[in-house]
Amino acid sequence: MTAAPPGAQFEIRVDGVVRTHRDVRETAIEAARFLQQRNLGAKILITDLRDGSVVPFDRPGNRTA
């Protein structure tokens, strides 16, 4: 297992595989939304590395206009 880059507070996984790290919550959520659009049907998970909690986010298909 590789360590997160310095300053990274959020880890984004696609189907259980770590794909990227982000340092700001809003940036992590936007990255997860983008990955969800590009990987339809994939399970995207954002984890807060400070306490291990899962960060909820609206998936693109669940948004209302």
PDB file of N, CA and C in Angstrom:
ATOM      1  N   MET A   1       0.831  -1.173   0.000  1.00  0.00           N
ATOM      2  CA  MET A   1       0.000   0.000   0.000  1.00  0.00           C
ATOM      3  C   MET A   1       0.879   1.242   0.000  1.00  0.00           C
ATOM      4  N   THR A   2       0.521   2.213  -0.841  1.00  0.00           N
ATOM      5  CA  THR A   2       1.311   3.432  -0.906  1.00  0.00           C
ATOM      6  C   THR A   2       0.700   4.497  -0.014  1.00  0.00           C
ATOM      7  N   ALA A   3       1.538   5.352   0.492  1.00  0.00           N
ATOM      8  CA  ALA A   3       1.067   6.426   1.366  1.00  0.00           C
ATOM      9  C   ALA A   3       0.463   7.542   0.529  1.00  0.00           C
ATOM     10  N   ALA A   4      -0.491   8.242   1.106  1.00  0.00           N
ATOM     11  CA  ALA A   4      -1.105   9.382   0.427  1.00  0.00           C
ATOM     12  C   ALA A   4      -0.075  10.505   0.325  1.00  0.00           C
ATOM     13  N   PRO A   5      -0.168  11.309  -0.729  1.00  0.00           N
ATOM     14  CA  PRO A   5       0.750  12.434  -0.862  1.00  0.00           C
ATOM     15  C   PRO A   5       0.599  13.413   0.303  1.00  0.00           C
ATOM     16  N   PRO A   6       1.646  14.153   0.628  1.00  0.00           N
ATOM     17  CA  PRO A   6       1.540  15.123   1.722  1.00  0.00           C
ATOM     18  C   PRO A   6       0.418  16.121   1.443  1.00  0.00           C
ATOM     19  N   GLY A   7      -0.369  16.425   2.445  1.00  0.00           N
ATOM     20  CA  GLY A   7      -1.458  17.384   2.294  1.00  0.00           C
ATOM     21  C   GLY A   7      -2.766  16.769   1.835  1.00  0.00           C
ATOM     22  N   ALA A   8      -2.744  15.544   1.354  1.00  0.00           N
ATOM     23  CA  ALA A   8      -3.976  14.903   0.888  1.00  0.00           C
ATOM     24  C   ALA A   8      -4.854  14.558   2.082  1.00  0.00           C
ATOM     25  N   GLN A   9      -6.125  14.947   2.010  1.00  0.00           N
ATOM     26  CA  GLN A   9      -7.053  14.658   3.088  1.00  0.00           C
ATOM     27  C   GLN A   9      -8.170  13.733   2.641  1.00  0.00           C
ATOM     28  N   PHE A  10      -8.339  13.583   1.315  1.00  0.00           N
ATOM     29  CA  PHE A  10      -9.424  12.769   0.790  1.00  0.00           C
ATOM     30  C   PHE A  10      -8.897  11.812  -0.268  1.00  0.00           C
ATOM     31  N   GLU A  11      -9.391  10.586  -0.212  1.00  0.00           N
ATOM     32  CA  GLU A  11      -8.995   9.534  -1.147  1.00  0.00           C
ATOM     33  C   GLU A  11     -10.232   9.151  -1.960  1.00  0.00           C
ATOM     34  N   ILE A  12     -10.067   9.024  -3.273  1.00  0.00           N
ATOM     35  CA  ILE A  12     -11.187   8.643  -4.131  1.00  0.00           C
ATOM     36  C   ILE A  12     -10.891   7.276  -4.727  1.00  0.00           C
ATOM     37  N   ARG A  13     -11.850   6.356  -4.517  1.00  0.00           N
ATOM     38  CA  ARG A  13     -11.723   4.990  -5.027  1.00  0.00           C
ATOM     39  C   ARG A  13     -12.776   4.740  -6.099  1.00  0.00           C
ATOM     40  N   VAL A  14     -12.377   4.013  -7.136  1.00  0.00           N
ATOM     41  CA  VAL A  14     -13.291   3.573  -8.183  1.00  0.00           C
ATOM     42  C   VAL A  14     -13.287   2.051  -8.139  1.00  0.00           C
ATOM     43  N   ASP A  15     -14.423   1.475  -7.801  1.00  0.00           N
ATOM     44  CA  ASP A  15     -14.557   0.025  -7.651  1.00  0.00           C
ATOM     45  C   ASP A  15     -13.481  -0.567  -6.750  1.00  0.00           C
ATOM     46  N   GLY A  16     -13.191   0.134  -5.652  1.00  0.00           N
ATOM     47  CA  GLY A  16     -12.249  -0.363  -4.657  1.00  0.00           C
ATOM     48  C   GLY A  16     -10.790  -0.064  -4.924  1.00  0.00           C
ATOM     49  N   VAL A  17     -10.473   0.548  -6.062  1.00  0.00           N
ATOM     50  CA  VAL A  17      -9.085   0.868  -6.411  1.00  0.00           C
ATOM     51  C   VAL A  17      -8.853   2.362  -6.216  1.00  0.00           C
ATOM     52  N   VAL A  18      -7.819   2.722  -5.449  1.00  0.00           N
ATOM     53  CA  VAL A  18      -7.510   4.131  -5.228  1.00  0.00           C
ATOM     54  C   VAL A  18      -7.094   4.752  -6.556  1.00  0.00           C
ATOM     55  N   ARG A  19      -7.797   5.806  -6.949  1.00  0.00           N
ATOM     56  CA  ARG A  19      -7.506   6.467  -8.214  1.00  0.00           C
ATOM     57  C   ARG A  19      -6.835   7.819  -8.036  1.00  0.00           C
ATOM     58  N   THR A  20      -7.197   8.549  -6.972  1.00  0.00           N
ATOM     59  CA  THR A  20      -6.637   9.880  -6.791  1.00  0.00           C
ATOM     60  C   THR A  20      -6.806  10.347  -5.354  1.00  0.00           C
ATOM     61  N   HIS A  21      -6.093  11.397  -5.001  1.00  0.00           N
ATOM     62  CA  HIS A  21      -6.195  12.034  -3.693  1.00  0.00           C
ATOM     63  C   HIS A  21      -6.449  13.521  -3.908  1.00  0.00           C
ATOM     64  N   ARG A  22      -7.169  14.130  -2.988  1.00  0.00           N
ATOM     65  CA  ARG A  22      -7.436  15.568  -3.041  1.00  0.00           C
ATOM     66  C   ARG A  22      -7.249  16.155  -1.652  1.00  0.00           C
ATOM     67  N   ASP A  23      -6.947  17.452  -1.597  1.00  0.00           N
ATOM     68  CA  ASP A  23      -6.723  18.101  -0.312  1.00  0.00           C
ATOM     69  C   ASP A  23      -7.917  18.916   0.158  1.00  0.00           C
ATOM     70  N   VAL A  24      -8.866  19.223  -0.731  1.00  0.00           N
ATOM     71  CA  VAL A  24     -10.039  20.021  -0.384  1.00  0.00           C
ATOM     72  C   VAL A  24     -11.302  19.195  -0.631  1.00  0.00           C
ATOM     73  N   ARG A  25     -12.239  19.245   0.315  1.00  0.00           N
ATOM     74  CA  ARG A  25     -13.459  18.438   0.229  1.00  0.00           C
ATOM     75  C   ARG A  25     -14.236  18.709  -1.067  1.00  0.00           C
ATOM     76  N   GLU A  26     -14.443  19.969  -1.411  1.00  0.00           N
ATOM     77  CA  GLU A  26     -15.224  20.326  -2.592  1.00  0.00           C
ATOM     78  C   GLU A  26     -14.552  19.815  -3.876  1.00  0.00           C
ATOM     79  N   THR A  27     -13.234  19.873  -3.910  1.00  0.00           N
ATOM     80  CA  THR A  27     -12.494  19.369  -5.072  1.00  0.00           C
ATOM     81  C   THR A  27     -12.633  17.853  -5.174  1.00  0.00           C
ATOM     82  N   ALA A  28     -12.614  17.171  -4.048  1.00  0.00           N
ATOM     83  CA  ALA A  28     -12.788  15.718  -4.037  1.00  0.00           C
ATOM     84  C   ALA A  28     -14.174  15.335  -4.540  1.00  0.00           C
ATOM     85  N   ILE A  29     -15.186  16.084  -4.127  1.00  0.00           N
ATOM     86  CA  ILE A  29     -16.556  15.793  -4.565  1.00  0.00           C
ATOM     87  C   ILE A  29     -16.700  16.014  -6.062  1.00  0.00           C
ATOM     88  N   GLU A  30     -16.150  17.097  -6.584  1.00  0.00           N
ATOM     89  CA  GLU A  30     -16.226  17.363  -8.026  1.00  0.00           C
ATOM     90  C   GLU A  30     -15.467  16.293  -8.821  1.00  0.00           C
ATOM     91  N   ALA A  31     -14.321  15.867  -8.305  1.00  0.00           N
ATOM     92  CA  ALA A  31     -13.560  14.809  -8.982  1.00  0.00           C
ATOM     93  C   ALA A  31     -14.350  13.504  -8.993  1.00  0.00           C
ATOM     94  N   ALA A  32     -15.028  13.197  -7.892  1.00  0.00           N
ATOM     95  CA  ALA A  32     -15.839  11.980  -7.818  1.00  0.00           C
ATOM     96  C   ALA A  32     -17.005  12.042  -8.806  1.00  0.00           C
ATOM     97  N   ARG A  33     -17.641  13.201  -8.920  1.00  0.00           N
ATOM     98  CA  ARG A  33     -18.738  13.368  -9.881  1.00  0.00           C
ATOM     99  C   ARG A  33     -18.237  13.165 -11.313  1.00  0.00           C
ATOM    100  N   PHE A  34     -17.074  13.727 -11.604  1.00  0.00           N
ATOM    101  CA  PHE A  34     -16.487  13.569 -12.937  1.00  0.00           C
ATOM    102  C   PHE A  34     -16.185  12.097 -13.216  1.00  0.00           C
ATOM    103  N   LEU A  35     -15.577  11.408 -12.253  1.00  0.00           N
ATOM    104  CA  LEU A  35     -15.265   9.993 -12.427  1.00  0.00           C
ATOM    105  C   LEU A  35     -16.531   9.163 -12.608  1.00  0.00           C
ATOM    106  N   GLN A  36     -17.604   9.526 -11.900  1.00  0.00           N
ATOM    107  CA  GLN A  36     -18.869   8.808 -12.020  1.00  0.00           C
ATOM    108  C   GLN A  36     -19.442   8.962 -13.427  1.00  0.00           C
ATOM    109  N   GLN A  37     -19.322  10.150 -14.002  1.00  0.00           N
ATOM    110  CA  GLN A  37     -19.804  10.379 -15.370  1.00  0.00           C
ATOM    111  C   GLN A  37     -19.015   9.553 -16.381  1.00  0.00           C
ATOM    112  N   ARG A  38     -17.750   9.397 -16.141  1.00  0.00           N
ATOM    113  CA  ARG A  38     -16.880   8.679 -17.077  1.00  0.00           C
ATOM    114  C   ARG A  38     -16.908   7.165 -16.877  1.00  0.00           C
ATOM    115  N   ASN A  39     -17.324   6.723 -15.708  1.00  0.00           N
ATOM    116  CA  ASN A  39     -17.346   5.298 -15.367  1.00  0.00           C
ATOM    117  C   ASN A  39     -18.746   4.914 -14.900  1.00  0.00           C
ATOM    118  N   LEU A  40     -19.681   4.899 -15.813  1.00  0.00           N
ATOM    119  CA  LEU A  40     -21.067   4.590 -15.468  1.00  0.00           C
ATOM    120  C   LEU A  40     -21.154   3.214 -14.824  1.00  0.00           C
ATOM    121  N   GLY A  41     -21.892   3.135 -13.751  1.00  0.00           N
ATOM    122  CA  GLY A  41     -22.073   1.860 -13.058  1.00  0.00           C
ATOM    123  C   GLY A  41     -20.971   1.527 -12.065  1.00  0.00           C
ATOM    124  N   ALA A  42     -19.906   2.320 -12.037  1.00  0.00           N
ATOM    125  CA  ALA A  42     -18.810   2.063 -11.099  1.00  0.00           C
ATOM    126  C   ALA A  42     -19.181   2.583  -9.713  1.00  0.00           C
ATOM    127  N   LYS A  43     -18.636   1.958  -8.689  1.00  0.00           N
ATOM    128  CA  LYS A  43     -18.857   2.412  -7.319  1.00  0.00           C
ATOM    129  C   LYS A  43     -17.746   3.396  -6.967  1.00  0.00           C
ATOM    130  N   ILE A  44     -18.119   4.654  -6.764  1.00  0.00           N
ATOM    131  CA  ILE A  44     -17.168   5.706  -6.420  1.00  0.00           C
ATOM    132  C   ILE A  44     -17.309   5.996  -4.936  1.00  0.00           C
ATOM    133  N   LEU A  45     -16.184   6.058  -4.243  1.00  0.00           N
ATOM    134  CA  LEU A  45     -16.197   6.265  -2.801  1.00  0.00           C
ATOM    135  C   LEU A  45     -15.141   7.305  -2.430  1.00  0.00           C
ATOM    136  N   ILE A  46     -15.554   8.307  -1.662  1.00  0.00           N
ATOM    137  CA  ILE A  46     -14.616   9.312  -1.151  1.00  0.00           C
ATOM    138  C   ILE A  46     -14.420   9.017   0.328  1.00  0.00           C
ATOM    139  N   THR A  47     -13.165   8.909   0.753  1.00  0.00           N
ATOM    140  CA  THR A  47     -12.849   8.640   2.149  1.00  0.00           C
ATOM    141  C   THR A  47     -12.045   9.795   2.713  1.00  0.00           C
ATOM    142  N   ASP A  48     -12.454  10.272   3.878  1.00  0.00           N
ATOM    143  CA  ASP A  48     -11.704  11.295   4.598  1.00  0.00           C
ATOM    144  C   ASP A  48     -10.552  10.579   5.300  1.00  0.00           C
ATOM    145  N   LEU A  49      -9.338  10.877   4.934  1.00  0.00           N
ATOM    146  CA  LEU A  49      -8.176  10.175   5.483  1.00  0.00           C
ATOM    147  C   LEU A  49      -7.883  10.545   6.932  1.00  0.00           C
ATOM    148  N   ARG A  50      -8.423  11.650   7.396  1.00  0.00           N
ATOM    149  CA  ARG A  50      -8.169  12.069   8.772  1.00  0.00           C
ATOM    150  C   ARG A  50      -8.879  11.177   9.783  1.00  0.00           C
ATOM    151  N   ASP A  51     -10.130  10.778   9.457  1.00  0.00           N
ATOM    152  CA  ASP A  51     -10.875   9.959  10.420  1.00  0.00           C
ATOM    153  C   ASP A  51     -11.465   8.685   9.816  1.00  0.00           C
ATOM    154  N   GLY A  52     -11.260   8.464   8.531  1.00  0.00           N
ATOM    155  CA  GLY A  52     -11.723   7.242   7.892  1.00  0.00           C
ATOM    156  C   GLY A  52     -13.188   7.237   7.499  1.00  0.00           C
ATOM    157  N   SER A  53     -13.873   8.369   7.663  1.00  0.00           N
ATOM    158  CA  SER A  53     -15.298   8.421   7.330  1.00  0.00           C
ATOM    159  C   SER A  53     -15.511   8.555   5.817  1.00  0.00           C
ATOM    160  N   VAL A  54     -16.678   8.092   5.380  1.00  0.00           N
ATOM    161  CA  VAL A  54     -17.052   8.191   3.975  1.00  0.00           C
ATOM    162  C   VAL A  54     -17.747   9.524   3.752  1.00  0.00           C
ATOM    163  N   VAL A  55     -17.362  10.221   2.685  1.00  0.00           N
ATOM    164  CA  VAL A  55     -17.947  11.518   2.358  1.00  0.00           C
ATOM    165  C   VAL A  55     -19.070  11.311   1.348  1.00  0.00           C
ATOM    166  N   PRO A  56     -20.296  11.696   1.695  1.00  0.00           N
ATOM    167  CA  PRO A  56     -21.404  11.544   0.746  1.00  0.00           C
ATOM    168  C   PRO A  56     -21.328  12.612  -0.346  1.00  0.00           C
ATOM    169  N   PHE A  57     -21.789  12.253  -1.544  1.00  0.00           N
ATOM    170  CA  PHE A  57     -21.867  13.226  -2.635  1.00  0.00           C
ATOM    171  C   PHE A  57     -23.006  12.844  -3.555  1.00  0.00           C
ATOM    172  N   ASP A  58     -23.571  13.847  -4.229  1.00  0.00           N
ATOM    173  CA  ASP A  58     -24.657  13.610  -5.178  1.00  0.00           C
ATOM    174  C   ASP A  58     -24.073  13.054  -6.458  1.00  0.00           C
ATOM    175  N   ARG A  59     -24.577  11.910  -6.857  1.00  0.00           N
ATOM    176  CA  ARG A  59     -24.137  11.339  -8.119  1.00  0.00           C
ATOM    177  C   ARG A  59     -24.853  12.061  -9.252  1.00  0.00           C
ATOM    178  N   PRO A  60     -24.201  12.233 -10.416  1.00  0.00           N
ATOM    179  CA  PRO A  60     -24.799  12.991 -11.520  1.00  0.00           C
ATOM    180  C   PRO A  60     -26.203  12.545 -11.897  1.00  0.00           C
ATOM    181  N   GLY A  61     -26.498  11.256 -11.861  1.00  0.00           N
ATOM    182  CA  GLY A  61     -27.809  10.755 -12.229  1.00  0.00           C
ATOM    183  C   GLY A  61     -28.875  11.061 -11.200  1.00  0.00           C
ATOM    184  N   ASN A  62     -28.478  11.437  -9.980  1.00  0.00           N
ATOM    185  CA  ASN A  62     -29.423  11.676  -8.904  1.00  0.00           C
ATOM    186  C   ASN A  62     -29.787  13.152  -8.740  1.00  0.00           C
ATOM    187  N   ARG A  63     -29.196  14.009  -9.540  1.00  0.00           N
ATOM    188  CA  ARG A  63     -29.448  15.445  -9.411  1.00  0.00           C
ATOM    189  C   ARG A  63     -30.823  15.793  -9.988  1.00  0.00           C
ATOM    190  N   THR A  64     -31.396  16.811  -9.408  1.00  0.00           N
ATOM    191  CA  THR A  64     -32.638  17.350  -9.964  1.00  0.00           C
ATOM    192  C   THR A  64     -32.343  18.734 -10.503  1.00  0.00           C
ATOM    193  N   ALA A  65     -33.002  19.078 -11.602  1.00  0.00           N
ATOM    194  CA  ALA A  65     -32.769  20.376 -12.238  1.00  0.00           C
ATOM    195  C   ALA A  65     -33.382  21.438 -11.406  1.00  0.00           C
TER     196      ALA A  65
END
